[in-house]
Every structure is written in structure tokens, then in C-alpha cells.
Amino acid sequence: MGIARIIGFMLIVAGAFFLASAYRATGSLPERAMETFTGRYSERTQRDLALGAAGVVGGVLLIAFGGGGRRRR
């Protein structure tokens, strides 16, 4: 397994952690109140959602396309 795929798995795990953390935060009382009054989540929750999604997508892309093709001899 190449280094790109290992990093891909690490990105997926980190992204899943951020997504789970942000998802749990959206159900908290302060977040629900902020979303009710302003129509959006706090900046931290939005950032965690974006980082989580980017991490998962980047990890999947690295696993799918990274570390293949060329091999040194």
C-alpha cells in the first residue's frame, strides 16, 4: 500500500471525526437557537462541516487515484 493511500485513509478518518463532531453540535441548544434566529449555524460548526466533507472527499480521491500507475525500477 502506497503512502498516498495511507494518507487517504487518514483523511477519511479525520473527515469523519469532523463531520460527526459538527453533526452533534447542530443538535445542541445554542446551535439550534442560533440557527432559528439567524438561519445559519455558527462559524465553527460550518467550518467543521466543510473540513469534514473536504477530508472525506480528498481521502476517497487519494485512495482511488493516488499512488498507482508509475513504479520505479
PDB file of N, CA and C in Angstrom:
ATOM      1  N   MET A   1       0.851  -1.169   0.000  1.00  0.00           N
ATOM      2  CA  MET A   1       0.000   0.000   0.000  1.00  0.00           C
ATOM      3  C   MET A   1       0.896   1.230   0.000  1.00  0.00           C
ATOM      4  N   GLY A   2       0.627   2.152  -0.898  1.00  0.00           N
ATOM      5  CA  GLY A   2       1.439   3.350  -1.017  1.00  0.00           C
ATOM      6  C   GLY A   2       1.120   4.387   0.031  1.00  0.00           C
ATOM      7  N   ILE A   3       2.003   5.344   0.130  1.00  0.00           N
ATOM      8  CA  ILE A   3       1.839   6.412   1.117  1.00  0.00           C
ATOM      9  C   ILE A   3       0.599   7.252   0.822  1.00  0.00           C
ATOM     10  N   ALA A   4       0.256   7.424  -0.460  1.00  0.00           N
ATOM     11  CA  ALA A   4      -0.924   8.218  -0.810  1.00  0.00           C
ATOM     12  C   ALA A   4      -2.197   7.556  -0.286  1.00  0.00           C
ATOM     13  N   ARG A   5      -2.260   6.252  -0.353  1.00  0.00           N
ATOM     14  CA  ARG A   5      -3.450   5.553   0.138  1.00  0.00           C
ATOM     15  C   ARG A   5      -3.523   5.591   1.658  1.00  0.00           C
ATOM     16  N   ILE A   6      -2.396   5.508   2.311  1.00  0.00           N
ATOM     17  CA  ILE A   6      -2.385   5.602   3.776  1.00  0.00           C
ATOM     18  C   ILE A   6      -2.869   6.989   4.207  1.00  0.00           C
ATOM     19  N   ILE A   7      -2.376   8.023   3.532  1.00  0.00           N
ATOM     20  CA  ILE A   7      -2.832   9.389   3.825  1.00  0.00           C
ATOM     21  C   ILE A   7      -4.310   9.527   3.507  1.00  0.00           C
ATOM     22  N   GLY A   8      -4.772   8.866   2.452  1.00  0.00           N
ATOM     23  CA  GLY A   8      -6.193   8.884   2.110  1.00  0.00           C
ATOM     24  C   GLY A   8      -7.052   8.318   3.225  1.00  0.00           C
ATOM     25  N   PHE A   9      -6.635   7.180   3.791  1.00  0.00           N
ATOM     26  CA  PHE A   9      -7.376   6.599   4.910  1.00  0.00           C
ATOM     27  C   PHE A   9      -7.359   7.532   6.116  1.00  0.00           C
ATOM     28  N   MET A  10      -6.226   8.157   6.364  1.00  0.00           N
ATOM     29  CA  MET A  10      -6.137   9.088   7.490  1.00  0.00           C
ATOM     30  C   MET A  10      -7.063  10.288   7.276  1.00  0.00           C
ATOM     31  N   LEU A  11      -7.141  10.783   6.053  1.00  0.00           N
ATOM     32  CA  LEU A  11      -8.040  11.902   5.761  1.00  0.00           C
ATOM     33  C   LEU A  11      -9.503  11.518   5.954  1.00  0.00           C
ATOM     34  N   ILE A  12      -9.842  10.295   5.557  1.00  0.00           N
ATOM     35  CA  ILE A  12     -11.223   9.843   5.736  1.00  0.00           C
ATOM     36  C   ILE A  12     -11.572   9.771   7.218  1.00  0.00           C
ATOM     37  N   VAL A  13     -10.669   9.240   8.018  1.00  0.00           N
ATOM     38  CA  VAL A  13     -10.927   9.139   9.459  1.00  0.00           C
ATOM     39  C   VAL A  13     -11.048  10.533  10.080  1.00  0.00           C
ATOM     40  N   ALA A  14     -10.129  11.430   9.737  1.00  0.00           N
ATOM     41  CA  ALA A  14     -10.193  12.790  10.281  1.00  0.00           C
ATOM     42  C   ALA A  14     -11.448  13.512   9.799  1.00  0.00           C
ATOM     43  N   GLY A  15     -11.790  13.351   8.530  1.00  0.00           N
ATOM     44  CA  GLY A  15     -13.003  13.974   7.999  1.00  0.00           C
ATOM     45  C   GLY A  15     -14.256  13.448   8.674  1.00  0.00           C
ATOM     46  N   ALA A  16     -14.291  12.142   8.913  1.00  0.00           N
ATOM     47  CA  ALA A  16     -15.446  11.555   9.594  1.00  0.00           C
ATOM     48  C   ALA A  16     -15.555  12.088  11.022  1.00  0.00           C
ATOM     49  N   PHE A  17     -14.409  12.277  11.668  1.00  0.00           N
ATOM     50  CA  PHE A  17     -14.421  12.848  13.016  1.00  0.00           C
ATOM     51  C   PHE A  17     -15.004  14.258  13.001  1.00  0.00           C
ATOM     52  N   PHE A  18     -14.563  15.090  12.064  1.00  0.00           N
ATOM     53  CA  PHE A  18     -15.084  16.459  11.977  1.00  0.00           C
ATOM     54  C   PHE A  18     -16.575  16.465  11.657  1.00  0.00           C
ATOM     55  N   LEU A  19     -16.998  15.588  10.748  1.00  0.00           N
ATOM     56  CA  LEU A  19     -18.421  15.529  10.412  1.00  0.00           C
ATOM     57  C   LEU A  19     -19.258  15.092  11.603  1.00  0.00           C
ATOM     58  N   ALA A  20     -18.791  14.087  12.325  1.00  0.00           N
ATOM     59  CA  ALA A  20     -19.542  13.617  13.490  1.00  0.00           C
ATOM     60  C   ALA A  20     -19.607  14.695  14.565  1.00  0.00           C
ATOM     61  N   SER A  21     -18.499  15.385  14.775  1.00  0.00           N
ATOM     62  CA  SER A  21     -18.461  16.447  15.764  1.00  0.00           C
ATOM     63  C   SER A  21     -19.422  17.578  15.388  1.00  0.00           C
ATOM     64  N   ALA A  22     -19.407  17.971  14.138  1.00  0.00           N
ATOM     65  CA  ALA A  22     -20.290  19.048  13.683  1.00  0.00           C
ATOM     66  C   ALA A  22     -21.752  18.614  13.716  1.00  0.00           C
ATOM     67  N   TYR A  23     -22.004  17.359  13.365  1.00  0.00           N
ATOM     68  CA  TYR A  23     -23.380  16.866  13.399  1.00  0.00           C
ATOM     69  C   TYR A  23     -23.926  16.878  14.828  1.00  0.00           C
ATOM     70  N   ARG A  24     -23.093  16.468  15.770  1.00  0.00           N
ATOM     71  CA  ARG A  24     -23.523  16.506  17.167  1.00  0.00           C
ATOM     72  C   ARG A  24     -23.748  17.943  17.626  1.00  0.00           C
ATOM     73  N   ALA A  25     -22.927  18.853  17.151  1.00  0.00           N
ATOM     74  CA  ALA A  25     -23.062  20.260  17.554  1.00  0.00           C
ATOM     75  C   ALA A  25     -24.347  20.869  17.013  1.00  0.00           C
ATOM     76  N   THR A  26     -24.814  20.427  15.848  1.00  0.00           N
ATOM     77  CA  THR A  26     -26.029  21.007  15.277  1.00  0.00           C
ATOM     78  C   THR A  26     -27.255  20.710  16.127  1.00  0.00           C
ATOM     79  N   GLY A  27     -27.196  19.670  16.940  1.00  0.00           N
ATOM     80  CA  GLY A  27     -28.325  19.337  17.787  1.00  0.00           C
ATOM     81  C   GLY A  27     -28.299  20.002  19.149  1.00  0.00           C
ATOM     82  N   SER A  28     -27.234  20.733  19.459  1.00  0.00           N
ATOM     83  CA  SER A  28     -27.142  21.370  20.770  1.00  0.00           C
ATOM     84  C   SER A  28     -28.084  22.574  20.847  1.00  0.00           C
ATOM     85  N   LEU A  29     -28.461  22.908  22.052  1.00  0.00           N
ATOM     86  CA  LEU A  29     -29.402  24.007  22.262  1.00  0.00           C
ATOM     87  C   LEU A  29     -28.888  25.348  21.716  1.00  0.00           C
ATOM     88  N   PRO A  30     -27.626  25.742  21.990  1.00  0.00           N
ATOM     89  CA  PRO A  30     -27.158  27.021  21.439  1.00  0.00           C
ATOM     90  C   PRO A  30     -27.148  27.047  19.908  1.00  0.00           C
ATOM     91  N   GLU A  31     -26.780  25.934  19.299  1.00  0.00           N
ATOM     92  CA  GLU A  31     -26.755  25.885  17.829  1.00  0.00           C
ATOM     93  C   GLU A  31     -28.164  25.961  17.257  1.00  0.00           C
ATOM     94  N   ARG A  32     -29.088  25.247  17.870  1.00  0.00           N
ATOM     95  CA  ARG A  32     -30.468  25.294  17.374  1.00  0.00           C
ATOM     96  C   ARG A  32     -31.040  26.698  17.524  1.00  0.00           C
ATOM     97  N   ALA A  33     -30.720  27.364  18.641  1.00  0.00           N
ATOM     98  CA  ALA A  33     -31.214  28.732  18.842  1.00  0.00           C
ATOM     99  C   ALA A  33     -30.611  29.680  17.813  1.00  0.00           C
ATOM    100  N   MET A  34     -29.302  29.542  17.578  1.00  0.00           N
ATOM    101  CA  MET A  34     -28.657  30.414  16.599  1.00  0.00           C
ATOM    102  C   MET A  34     -29.229  30.180  15.204  1.00  0.00           C
ATOM    103  N   GLU A  35     -29.448  28.923  14.860  1.00  0.00           N
ATOM    104  CA  GLU A  35     -29.982  28.606  13.537  1.00  0.00           C
ATOM    105  C   GLU A  35     -31.421  29.104  13.398  1.00  0.00           C
ATOM    106  N   THR A  36     -32.177  29.068  14.491  1.00  0.00           N
ATOM    107  CA  THR A  36     -33.548  29.558  14.459  1.00  0.00           C
ATOM    108  C   THR A  36     -33.586  31.065  14.234  1.00  0.00           C
ATOM    109  N   PHE A  37     -32.724  31.804  14.924  1.00  0.00           N
ATOM    110  CA  PHE A  37     -32.764  33.265  14.840  1.00  0.00           C
ATOM    111  C   PHE A  37     -32.026  33.818  13.630  1.00  0.00           C
ATOM    112  N   THR A  38     -30.924  33.213  13.245  1.00  0.00           N
ATOM    113  CA  THR A  38     -30.131  33.762  12.145  1.00  0.00           C
ATOM    114  C   THR A  38     -30.279  32.985  10.846  1.00  0.00           C
ATOM    115  N   GLY A  39     -30.782  31.760  10.933  1.00  0.00           N
ATOM    116  CA  GLY A  39     -30.930  30.952   9.730  1.00  0.00           C
ATOM    117  C   GLY A  39     -29.663  30.226   9.326  1.00  0.00           C
ATOM    118  N   ARG A  40     -28.647  30.266  10.166  1.00  0.00           N
ATOM    119  CA  ARG A  40     -27.396  29.566   9.863  1.00  0.00           C
ATOM    120  C   ARG A  40     -26.747  29.087  11.153  1.00  0.00           C
ATOM    121  N   TYR A  41     -25.831  28.154  10.996  1.00  0.00           N
ATOM    122  CA  TYR A  41     -25.099  27.635  12.154  1.00  0.00           C
ATOM    123  C   TYR A  41     -23.934  28.558  12.472  1.00  0.00           C
ATOM    124  N   SER A  42     -23.300  28.326  13.606  1.00  0.00           N
ATOM    125  CA  SER A  42     -22.151  29.145  13.984  1.00  0.00           C
ATOM    126  C   SER A  42     -20.998  28.895  13.013  1.00  0.00           C
ATOM    127  N   GLU A  43     -20.053  29.814  13.016  1.00  0.00           N
ATOM    128  CA  GLU A  43     -18.913  29.687  12.106  1.00  0.00           C
ATOM    129  C   GLU A  43     -18.116  28.416  12.372  1.00  0.00           C
ATOM    130  N   ARG A  44     -17.984  28.052  13.640  1.00  0.00           N
ATOM    131  CA  ARG A  44     -17.225  26.844  13.983  1.00  0.00           C
ATOM    132  C   ARG A  44     -17.903  25.593  13.424  1.00  0.00           C
ATOM    133  N   THR A  45     -19.218  25.516  13.552  1.00  0.00           N
ATOM    134  CA  THR A  45     -19.931  24.352  13.043  1.00  0.00           C
ATOM    135  C   THR A  45     -19.858  24.298  11.528  1.00  0.00           C
ATOM    136  N   GLN A  46     -20.000  25.432  10.879  1.00  0.00           N
ATOM    137  CA  GLN A  46     -19.879  25.470   9.420  1.00  0.00           C
ATOM    138  C   GLN A  46     -18.485  25.057   8.979  1.00  0.00           C
ATOM    139  N   ARG A  47     -17.470  25.528   9.701  1.00  0.00           N
ATOM    140  CA  ARG A  47     -16.094  25.164   9.368  1.00  0.00           C
ATOM    141  C   ARG A  47     -15.863  23.665   9.535  1.00  0.00           C
ATOM    142  N   ASP A  48     -16.372  23.098  10.625  1.00  0.00           N
ATOM    143  CA  ASP A  48     -16.199  21.671  10.853  1.00  0.00           C
ATOM    144  C   ASP A  48     -16.920  20.838   9.799  1.00  0.00           C
ATOM    145  N   LEU A  49     -18.095  21.268   9.389  1.00  0.00           N
ATOM    146  CA  LEU A  49     -18.803  20.562   8.326  1.00  0.00           C
ATOM    147  C   LEU A  49     -18.018  20.609   7.015  1.00  0.00           C
ATOM    148  N   ALA A  50     -17.479  21.774   6.688  1.00  0.00           N
ATOM    149  CA  ALA A  50     -16.712  21.920   5.450  1.00  0.00           C
ATOM    150  C   ALA A  50     -15.412  21.116   5.504  1.00  0.00           C
ATOM    151  N   LEU A  51     -14.698  21.173   6.627  1.00  0.00           N
ATOM    152  CA  LEU A  51     -13.460  20.402   6.763  1.00  0.00           C
ATOM    153  C   LEU A  51     -13.726  18.906   6.701  1.00  0.00           C
ATOM    154  N   GLY A  52     -14.788  18.470   7.333  1.00  0.00           N
ATOM    155  CA  GLY A  52     -15.130  17.052   7.316  1.00  0.00           C
ATOM    156  C   GLY A  52     -15.454  16.563   5.921  1.00  0.00           C
ATOM    157  N   ALA A  53     -16.264  17.323   5.204  1.00  0.00           N
ATOM    158  CA  ALA A  53     -16.617  16.930   3.842  1.00  0.00           C
ATOM    159  C   ALA A  53     -15.393  16.930   2.936  1.00  0.00           C
ATOM    160  N   ALA A  54     -14.553  17.954   3.067  1.00  0.00           N
ATOM    161  CA  ALA A  54     -13.342  18.024   2.241  1.00  0.00           C
ATOM    162  C   ALA A  54     -12.385  16.882   2.564  1.00  0.00           C
ATOM    163  N   GLY A  55     -12.264  16.530   3.832  1.00  0.00           N
ATOM    164  CA  GLY A  55     -11.390  15.438   4.225  1.00  0.00           C
ATOM    165  C   GLY A  55     -11.852  14.099   3.673  1.00  0.00           C
ATOM    166  N   VAL A  56     -13.150  13.845   3.761  1.00  0.00           N
ATOM    167  CA  VAL A  56     -13.678  12.579   3.251  1.00  0.00           C
ATOM    168  C   VAL A  56     -13.528  12.506   1.730  1.00  0.00           C
ATOM    169  N   VAL A  57     -13.876  13.574   1.039  1.00  0.00           N
ATOM    170  CA  VAL A  57     -13.755  13.580  -0.425  1.00  0.00           C
ATOM    171  C   VAL A  57     -12.291  13.465  -0.846  1.00  0.00           C
ATOM    172  N   GLY A  58     -11.423  14.221  -0.207  1.00  0.00           N
ATOM    173  CA  GLY A  58      -9.995  14.144  -0.527  1.00  0.00           C
ATOM    174  C   GLY A  58      -9.417  12.766  -0.252  1.00  0.00           C
ATOM    175  N   GLY A  59      -9.823  12.149   0.844  1.00  0.00           N
ATOM    176  CA  GLY A  59      -9.355  10.812   1.167  1.00  0.00           C
ATOM    177  C   GLY A  59      -9.804   9.785   0.149  1.00  0.00           C
ATOM    178  N   VAL A  60     -11.058   9.877  -0.257  1.00  0.00           N
ATOM    179  CA  VAL A  60     -11.568   8.941  -1.264  1.00  0.00           C
ATOM    180  C   VAL A  60     -10.825   9.117  -2.585  1.00  0.00           C
ATOM    181  N   LEU A  61     -10.575  10.360  -2.960  1.00  0.00           N
ATOM    182  CA  LEU A  61      -9.837  10.608  -4.206  1.00  0.00           C
ATOM    183  C   LEU A  61      -8.409  10.093  -4.128  1.00  0.00           C
ATOM    184  N   LEU A  62      -7.758  10.267  -2.991  1.00  0.00           N
ATOM    185  CA  LEU A  62      -6.396   9.750  -2.842  1.00  0.00           C
ATOM    186  C   LEU A  62      -6.365   8.227  -2.902  1.00  0.00           C
ATOM    187  N   ILE A  63      -7.342   7.596  -2.292  1.00  0.00           N
ATOM    188  CA  ILE A  63      -7.382   6.138  -2.338  1.00  0.00           C
ATOM    189  C   ILE A  63      -7.651   5.658  -3.762  1.00  0.00           C
ATOM    190  N   ALA A  64      -8.550   6.342  -4.448  1.00  0.00           N
ATOM    191  CA  ALA A  64      -8.927   5.909  -5.792  1.00  0.00           C
ATOM    192  C   ALA A  64      -7.837   6.181  -6.831  1.00  0.00           C
ATOM    193  N   PHE A  65      -7.199   7.342  -6.764  1.00  0.00           N
ATOM    194  CA  PHE A  65      -6.286   7.737  -7.831  1.00  0.00           C
ATOM    195  C   PHE A  65      -4.833   7.902  -7.399  1.00  0.00           C
ATOM    196  N   GLY A  66      -4.554   7.953  -6.119  1.00  0.00           N
ATOM    197  CA  GLY A  66      -3.202   8.205  -5.659  1.00  0.00           C
ATOM    198  C   GLY A  66      -2.371   6.936  -5.571  1.00  0.00           C
ATOM    199  N   GLY A  67      -1.107   7.076  -5.848  1.00  0.00           N
ATOM    200  CA  GLY A  67      -0.161   6.002  -5.639  1.00  0.00           C
ATOM    201  C   GLY A  67      -0.278   4.842  -6.595  1.00  0.00           C
ATOM    202  N   GLY A  68      -0.681   5.067  -7.793  1.00  0.00           N
ATOM    203  CA  GLY A  68      -0.767   3.980  -8.761  1.00  0.00           C
ATOM    204  C   GLY A  68       0.138   4.246  -9.939  1.00  0.00           C
ATOM    205  N   GLY A  69      -0.187   3.654 -11.035  1.00  0.00           N
ATOM    206  CA  GLY A  69       0.454   3.959 -12.314  1.00  0.00           C
ATOM    207  C   GLY A  69       1.943   3.751 -12.403  1.00  0.00           C
ATOM    208  N   ARG A  70       2.723   4.736 -12.096  1.00  0.00           N
ATOM    209  CA  ARG A  70       4.177   4.711 -12.271  1.00  0.00           C
ATOM    210  C   ARG A  70       4.849   3.977 -11.118  1.00  0.00           C
ATOM    211  N   ARG A  71       5.776   3.142 -11.482  1.00  0.00           N
ATOM    212  CA  ARG A  71       6.593   2.461 -10.465  1.00  0.00           C
ATOM    213  C   ARG A  71       8.047   2.601 -10.856  1.00  0.00           C
ATOM    214  N   ARG A  72       8.868   2.852  -9.859  1.00  0.00           N
ATOM    215  CA  ARG A  72      10.305   2.987 -10.121  1.00  0.00           C
ATOM    216  C   ARG A  72      10.935   1.616 -10.253  1.00  0.00           C
ATOM    217  N   ARG A  73      11.973   1.568 -11.042  1.00  0.00           N
ATOM    218  CA  ARG A  73      12.709   0.310 -11.194  1.00  0.00           C
ATOM    219  C   ARG A  73      14.130   0.498 -10.779  1.00  0.00           C
TER     220      ARG A  73
END
